[in-house]
Structures are given as structure tokens and as C-alpha cells.
Protein backbone atom coordinates (compact mmCIF):
# COMPACT_ATOMS: atom_id res chain seq x y z
CA MET A 1 -1.33 -10.23 65.73
CA THR A 2 2.39 -10.93 65.91
CA GLY A 3 2.44 -12.10 62.29
CA ARG A 4 0.63 -8.95 61.20
CA ARG A 5 3.18 -6.76 62.99
CA LYS A 6 6.02 -8.66 61.34
CA ARG A 7 4.50 -8.08 57.90
CA GLN A 8 4.04 -4.38 58.65
CA GLY A 9 7.65 -4.17 59.87
CA ARG A 10 8.92 -5.81 56.66
CA ALA A 11 6.84 -3.44 54.55
CA ILE A 12 8.18 -0.37 56.39
CA ARG A 13 11.78 -1.61 56.07
CA ALA A 14 11.26 -2.21 52.33
CA ILE A 15 9.92 1.35 51.91
CA LEU A 16 12.85 2.82 53.83
CA ARG A 17 15.32 0.73 51.84
CA HIS A 18 13.91 1.91 48.49
CA TRP A 19 12.71 5.37 49.56
CA GLN A 20 14.12 7.00 46.40
CA LEU A 21 11.70 5.00 44.23
CA TYR A 22 8.76 6.01 46.40
CA VAL A 23 9.79 9.66 46.18
CA LEU A 24 9.89 9.36 42.37
CA ILE A 25 6.39 7.88 42.20
CA ALA A 26 4.93 10.27 44.81
CA PRO A 27 4.05 13.10 42.31
CA VAL A 28 2.17 10.60 40.14
CA LEU A 29 0.21 9.31 43.13
CA VAL A 30 -0.58 12.86 44.23
CA TYR A 31 -1.75 13.74 40.70
CA PHE A 32 -4.15 10.81 40.52
CA ILE A 33 -5.46 11.35 44.05
CA VAL A 34 -6.05 15.10 43.58
CA PHE A 35 -7.34 15.14 39.99
CA HIS A 36 -8.94 11.69 39.58
CA TYR A 37 -10.03 10.29 42.94
CA MET A 38 -11.00 13.36 44.98
CA PRO A 39 -13.34 14.69 42.23
CA MET A 40 -15.33 11.44 42.52
CA TYR A 41 -16.90 13.01 45.60
CA GLY A 42 -18.85 15.31 43.26
CA VAL A 43 -20.33 12.44 41.24
CA GLN A 44 -23.25 12.32 43.69
CA ILE A 45 -24.74 15.46 42.12
CA ALA A 46 -25.86 13.17 39.29
CA PHE A 47 -28.42 11.84 41.78
CA LYS A 48 -29.43 15.25 43.16
CA ASP A 49 -30.97 18.51 41.99
CA PHE A 50 -27.78 20.45 42.57
CA ILE A 51 -28.15 24.00 43.85
CA ALA A 52 -24.86 25.86 44.15
CA THR A 53 -25.92 27.93 47.18
CA LYS A 54 -26.87 24.79 49.12
CA GLY A 55 -23.80 22.80 48.14
CA ILE A 56 -23.60 19.11 47.32
CA TRP A 57 -24.83 17.84 50.70
CA GLY A 58 -27.61 20.41 50.99
CA SER A 59 -29.06 19.83 47.52
CA PRO A 60 -32.27 17.73 47.42
CA TRP A 61 -32.08 14.08 46.39
CA ALA A 62 -33.44 13.31 42.90
CA GLY A 63 -32.63 9.61 42.43
CA PHE A 64 -32.43 8.51 38.80
CA LYS A 65 -34.48 11.42 37.45
CA HIS A 66 -31.64 12.88 35.37
CA PHE A 67 -30.70 9.49 33.92
CA GLU A 68 -34.31 8.84 32.89
CA ARG A 69 -34.49 12.30 31.33
CA PHE A 70 -31.37 11.55 29.27
CA PHE A 71 -32.58 8.12 28.15
CA ASP A 72 -35.96 9.56 27.10
CA SER A 73 -34.52 12.60 25.32
CA TYR A 74 -34.49 13.14 21.58
CA PHE A 75 -30.68 13.36 21.57
CA PHE A 76 -29.96 10.02 23.30
CA TRP A 77 -29.88 7.73 20.26
CA ARG A 78 -28.14 10.30 18.08
CA LEU A 79 -25.42 10.84 20.68
CA LEU A 80 -25.00 7.10 21.21
CA LYS A 81 -24.87 6.42 17.46
CA ASN A 82 -22.31 9.17 16.80
CA THR A 83 -20.12 8.31 19.79
CA LEU A 84 -20.05 4.59 19.03
CA GLY A 85 -19.79 5.22 15.28
CA ILE A 86 -16.68 7.39 15.61
CA SER A 87 -15.11 5.09 18.22
CA LEU A 88 -15.65 1.87 16.25
CA TYR A 89 -14.46 3.53 13.04
CA GLU A 90 -11.36 4.78 14.85
CA LEU A 91 -10.74 1.34 16.37
CA ALA A 92 -11.17 -0.47 13.04
CA VAL A 93 -8.88 1.88 11.12
CA GLY A 94 -6.58 3.41 13.71
CA PHE A 95 -5.72 0.33 15.77
CA PRO A 96 -4.18 -1.94 13.07
CA ILE A 97 -2.21 0.77 11.23
CA PRO A 98 0.43 1.33 13.99
CA ILE A 99 0.98 -2.44 14.11
CA VAL A 100 1.53 -2.59 10.35
CA LEU A 101 3.78 0.49 10.49
CA ALA A 102 5.88 -1.03 13.30
CA LEU A 103 6.29 -4.29 11.38
CA MET A 104 7.36 -2.36 8.27
CA ILE A 105 9.82 -0.12 10.13
CA ASN A 106 11.26 -3.18 11.87
CA GLU A 107 12.08 -4.73 8.50
CA VAL A 108 13.99 -1.67 7.24
CA ARG A 109 17.73 -2.35 7.33
CA HIS A 110 19.03 1.05 6.20
CA ASP A 111 19.53 2.93 9.48
CA LYS A 112 19.36 6.47 8.10
CA TYR A 113 16.21 5.78 6.11
CA LYS A 114 14.69 4.05 9.14
CA LYS A 115 15.37 7.06 11.37
CA PHE A 116 13.97 9.40 8.70
CA VAL A 117 10.71 7.42 8.48
CA GLN A 118 10.40 7.30 12.25
CA THR A 119 10.95 11.06 12.55
CA VAL A 120 8.39 11.83 9.84
CA THR A 121 5.75 9.57 11.37
CA TYR A 122 6.40 10.64 14.98
CA ALA A 123 6.39 14.41 14.31
CA PRO A 124 2.58 14.93 13.93
CA HIS A 125 2.05 13.60 17.46
CA PHE A 126 3.64 16.76 18.88
CA LEU A 127 1.17 19.06 17.13
CA SER A 128 -1.52 20.47 19.39
CA THR A 129 -5.12 19.59 18.56
CA VAL A 130 -5.81 23.23 17.64
CA VAL A 131 -2.95 23.26 15.12
CA LEU A 132 -4.01 19.89 13.70
CA VAL A 133 -7.60 21.00 13.13
CA GLY A 134 -6.33 24.24 11.61
CA ILE A 135 -4.21 22.24 9.13
CA VAL A 136 -7.19 19.99 8.29
CA ILE A 137 -9.47 22.99 7.67
CA MET A 138 -6.80 24.67 5.53
CA PHE A 139 -6.16 21.53 3.44
CA LEU A 140 -9.89 20.91 2.90
CA SER A 141 -10.86 24.51 2.17
CA PRO A 142 -13.26 24.62 -0.83
CA THR A 143 -11.49 27.69 -2.27
CA SER A 144 -7.76 27.27 -1.58
CA GLY A 145 -7.34 23.82 -0.04
CA ILE A 146 -4.95 21.41 -1.76
CA VAL A 147 -7.52 18.60 -1.83
CA ASN A 148 -10.15 20.66 -3.64
CA THR A 149 -7.48 22.15 -5.89
CA ILE A 150 -6.65 18.62 -7.08
CA ILE A 151 -10.37 17.81 -7.49
CA LYS A 152 -10.89 20.94 -9.60
CA ALA A 153 -7.78 20.13 -11.64
CA PHE A 154 -9.45 16.87 -12.70
CA GLY A 155 -12.65 18.69 -13.64
CA GLY A 156 -14.61 18.04 -10.47
CA GLU A 157 -16.62 20.38 -8.30
CA PRO A 158 -15.18 21.52 -4.94
CA ILE A 159 -16.52 19.66 -1.91
CA PHE A 160 -17.37 21.48 1.31
CA PHE A 161 -15.89 18.73 3.48
CA MET A 162 -16.20 20.46 6.86
CA THR A 163 -19.89 21.22 6.44
CA ARG A 164 -20.98 17.81 5.10
CA PRO A 165 -22.16 15.47 7.91
CA GLU A 166 -21.26 12.35 5.89
CA TRP A 167 -17.58 13.40 5.76
CA PHE A 168 -17.12 14.27 9.44
CA LYS A 169 -16.30 10.80 10.82
CA THR A 170 -13.84 10.02 8.02
CA ILE A 171 -12.00 13.34 8.44
CA TYR A 172 -11.91 12.92 12.22
CA VAL A 173 -10.58 9.35 12.10
CA LEU A 174 -8.05 9.72 9.27
CA SER A 175 -6.57 12.93 10.69
CA GLY A 176 -6.23 11.13 14.04
CA VAL A 177 -4.51 8.17 12.38
CA TRP A 178 -2.06 10.49 10.63
CA GLN A 179 -1.27 12.25 13.90
CA GLN A 180 -0.93 9.20 16.18
CA MET A 181 0.17 6.21 14.08
CA GLY A 182 3.91 6.89 14.43
CA TRP A 183 3.77 7.49 18.16
CA SER A 184 1.51 4.48 18.73
CA SER A 185 3.94 2.24 16.83
CA ILE A 186 6.72 2.85 19.38
CA ILE A 187 5.40 0.32 21.87
CA TYR A 188 5.12 -2.33 19.13
CA LEU A 189 8.68 -1.60 18.01
CA ALA A 190 9.81 -2.10 21.60
CA ALA A 191 7.99 -5.45 21.71
CA LEU A 192 9.58 -6.46 18.38
CA ALA A 193 13.02 -5.59 19.75
CA GLY A 194 12.45 -8.16 22.50
CA ILE A 195 11.95 -11.07 20.10
CA ASP A 196 14.84 -13.55 20.11
CA PRO A 197 16.91 -13.07 16.89
CA GLY A 198 17.70 -16.80 17.04
CA LEU A 199 14.12 -17.54 15.99
CA HIS A 200 14.64 -15.61 12.76
CA GLU A 201 17.99 -17.30 12.15
CA ALA A 202 16.41 -20.73 12.58
CA ALA A 203 13.53 -19.76 10.28
CA LYS A 204 15.99 -18.58 7.60
CA VAL A 205 17.80 -21.91 7.80
CA ASP A 206 14.46 -23.67 7.29
CA GLY A 207 13.83 -21.57 4.17
CA ALA A 208 11.16 -19.23 5.56
CA THR A 209 10.54 -16.07 3.56
CA ARG A 210 10.49 -12.62 5.18
CA LEU A 211 6.68 -12.54 5.04
CA GLN A 212 6.47 -15.96 6.68
CA ARG A 213 8.84 -14.84 9.45
CA ILE A 214 6.72 -11.74 10.07
CA TRP A 215 3.55 -13.84 10.22
CA HIS A 216 4.85 -16.73 12.33
CA ILE A 217 7.46 -15.00 14.55
CA ASN A 218 6.92 -11.24 14.78
CA LEU A 219 3.13 -11.21 15.03
CA PRO A 220 2.91 -13.93 17.73
CA GLY A 221 5.77 -12.19 19.55
CA ILE A 222 3.89 -8.91 19.88
CA MET A 223 0.42 -10.46 20.34
CA PRO A 224 0.32 -10.02 24.17
CA THR A 225 1.08 -6.31 23.67
CA VAL A 226 -1.59 -6.07 20.97
CA VAL A 227 -4.19 -7.68 23.25
CA ILE A 228 -3.39 -5.35 26.18
CA LEU A 229 -3.64 -2.24 23.99
CA LEU A 230 -6.85 -3.54 22.38
CA ILE A 231 -8.39 -3.95 25.84
CA LEU A 232 -7.40 -0.39 26.76
CA ASN A 233 -8.81 0.95 23.48
CA ILE A 234 -12.13 -0.85 23.89
CA GLY A 235 -12.23 0.30 27.52
CA SER A 236 -12.33 3.89 26.28
CA LEU A 237 -14.70 3.19 23.38
CA MET A 238 -17.26 5.74 24.58
CA GLY A 239 -14.59 8.31 25.43
CA VAL A 240 -14.43 10.22 22.15
CA GLY A 241 -12.24 13.24 22.86
CA PHE A 242 -14.03 16.55 23.39
CA GLU A 243 -11.46 19.05 22.13
CA LYS A 244 -11.00 17.83 18.57
CA VAL A 245 -14.71 17.18 17.99
CA PHE A 246 -15.58 20.60 19.40
CA LEU A 247 -13.06 22.35 17.14
CA MET A 248 -14.30 20.53 14.02
CA GLN A 249 -17.96 20.88 14.88
CA ASN A 250 -20.31 23.42 13.32
CA SER A 251 -24.06 23.83 12.92
CA LEU A 252 -24.03 22.16 9.49
CA ASN A 253 -22.25 18.91 10.50
CA ASN A 254 -23.80 18.74 13.99
CA GLU A 255 -25.92 15.76 12.97
CA SER A 256 -22.78 13.57 12.73
CA SER A 257 -20.43 15.40 15.09
CA ASP A 258 -22.53 15.71 18.23
CA VAL A 259 -21.16 13.21 20.77
CA ILE A 260 -21.67 12.66 24.50
CA SER A 261 -18.71 14.82 25.56
CA THR A 262 -19.91 17.85 23.56
CA TYR A 263 -23.45 17.34 24.85
CA VAL A 264 -22.16 17.30 28.44
CA TYR A 265 -20.31 20.57 27.72
CA ARG A 266 -23.45 22.23 26.31
CA SER A 267 -25.71 20.99 29.09
CA GLY A 268 -23.36 21.47 32.00
CA LEU A 269 -21.24 24.54 31.28
CA LEU A 270 -23.40 26.46 28.83
CA GLY A 271 -26.80 25.37 30.13
CA ALA A 272 -25.82 25.27 33.84
CA GLN A 273 -27.62 21.91 34.20
CA TYR A 274 -24.91 20.49 36.42
CA SER A 275 -26.79 17.48 37.77
CA PHE A 276 -28.04 16.44 34.33
CA ALA A 277 -24.57 16.82 32.77
CA ALA A 278 -23.03 14.82 35.64
CA ALA A 279 -25.57 12.03 35.06
CA VAL A 280 -24.73 11.88 31.33
CA GLY A 281 -21.00 11.83 32.06
CA LEU A 282 -21.44 9.13 34.71
CA PHE A 283 -23.44 6.99 32.28
CA ASN A 284 -20.60 7.33 29.77
CA SER A 285 -17.97 6.31 32.36
CA VAL A 286 -20.00 3.31 33.58
CA VAL A 287 -20.39 1.99 30.03
CA ASN A 288 -16.62 2.31 29.50
CA LEU A 289 -15.96 0.45 32.76
CA ILE A 290 -18.31 -2.39 31.79
CA LEU A 291 -16.66 -2.67 28.37
CA LEU A 292 -13.19 -2.74 29.96
CA LEU A 293 -14.11 -5.48 32.45
CA THR A 294 -15.89 -7.56 29.81
CA VAL A 295 -13.12 -7.42 27.20
CA ASN A 296 -10.46 -8.04 29.83
CA ARG A 297 -12.25 -11.20 30.98
CA ILE A 298 -12.73 -12.45 27.41
CA ALA A 299 -9.06 -11.79 26.57
CA ARG A 300 -7.91 -13.63 29.69
CA ALA A 301 -10.07 -16.64 28.83
CA VAL A 302 -9.10 -16.77 25.14
CA ASN A 303 -5.52 -15.51 24.97
CA GLN A 304 -4.22 -15.70 28.56
CA ALA A 305 -3.17 -12.04 28.23
CA SER A 306 -5.02 -9.39 30.20
CA LEU A 307 -4.62 -6.27 32.31
CA TRP A 308 -5.19 -8.24 35.52
């Protein structure tokens, strides 16, 4: 008991000594508690037939009825295929490009040109999703869009990109890469800045080319960062963003654009099926958690770099 009191006393003294740091982090803690942890209380409606007048506690228990209904529904495999398809496509294309961009920017020696490239690639990140989708629709317009104007200039027929299901995933992923690649490269540039310049000097003395130095020094130097970000990306594999999909979605491309988040919106908010929508959302979150834990364990065993 005495030892426990001593530990508590040391902890309190440490908090009082560094109280400014705890004050700085307090708003973040409050944000996560209020908006991320407290709402978990409502997750139980996924296992109930929620009736608003009776409240969460008063609503009758339903068990796994809503989960079974979702798994047996016509939409289940289509939603799973679209969600995973977009996520894997985005991971395969969008994850390596910021790494390549960071390596290229790091090799630029002209400061003004380097800053110009960074500004141009960072700028799209600050566009809102609504503005981005508006730009995409304008560029791909079959009548006045620049893409179809070029196609018609070469004698082709205009393509109705936004209404063709086969084009949806490509437009979604490539527009996302354009918007986020510059911003995502910042963390890799920071990791590259931490590599010892002496390694490059030694490699130059040994006759290594620039490409060899990138491959044998820069890439291994940022690999722990790459692994951590890969784990985080795979951990959110099923979390395809709602807003952008919803804005790009229409009745003609619904076959390829309907994902779990938009289905939850239709079922829960538009259809007032709160328990069913909560069950679908909970299934999505559980799958993400399992993926995160699995990939983190594999990364720790293979590369000795992990989140925990």
C-alpha cells in the first residue's frame, strides 16, 4: 500500500510540474471523450429494436437480428465488393505515390523550384470535398469539359464519365490522389530529413549513383514510417469516406458507387431504421479493427515496426 501511495504521489508531482503540457492536451482529450467515446454508449441499439419514445434502455432486445438481416440482404455483397474495391484501389495507387513524390522532391537541389513544386502539390489538399467534386464534374462534363473537348478534338465521341459505373472507382481514386499526394508526402519528407547526410557522403565516395543512394539509403531510412502509415491505411480499409462518394453518386453509377457508409445513411437517416443502420456501421468498424490488429501484428513480426 505504501509503494502504491508513493507511485501516486510521484505521478501527481509530475503532473503539477508539467501542468502546462496537460492543459495543452486537455482540449484534445475532451474532444475524443465527448465525440468518440461517449457515443459508444449508443452502439447497443444495434442489438435492440430501437424505439425513440422508449429510449435506448427501454427498447426491446433483438440480439443479432439486424446483423443477420444485413448479411442475408441483396445489397450485402455489392456493398462489400464496392467498399473493398475502392479501398484496395486507393491503397494500391494512392499509397505509393506520396512516397515517390517525397523522394523526388528530396532530390531537387534548386530551392525556389522545390518550394514551387511543394506549393503546387500541397494546394489541392485545402480544397473542400464539395469544391473538388465540382471541379471533377466540370472537367469531365460531356459538353464543355476539358477532357471530352480533347477527346472530340482527336475525333472521338464524348464519354459520360460521371454516369458510367465502370469509371466511378477510377475517378474517385485519381481525384483523391491528386488532392492528397502533396500533403501526404510531408511526413515522408520529414523522415528523409532525419537521415544522416554522412551516409550519402560515404556512398558517394564508394561510387554509388543517385538512384542507388535512394534505393539503399533513403528507402530503408523511411521504411519504419512507411510501415506505420501502411498499418493505419489498412486499418481504415473499410472506411471509404461518405461525403465524396455521396456527392459523386447518382442513380446511373449507383451499381459501383454504393458503399457501406452511403447505405448506412440511406437506412438510418432517410429510412429511420436506426438499429439496422447501427448494426451495419458496427460491422464495418469491427472489420476495420480486426484488420488493424492483424496487420499490426504481422508488421511487428516481420519488420519490427508497429503501432504498439
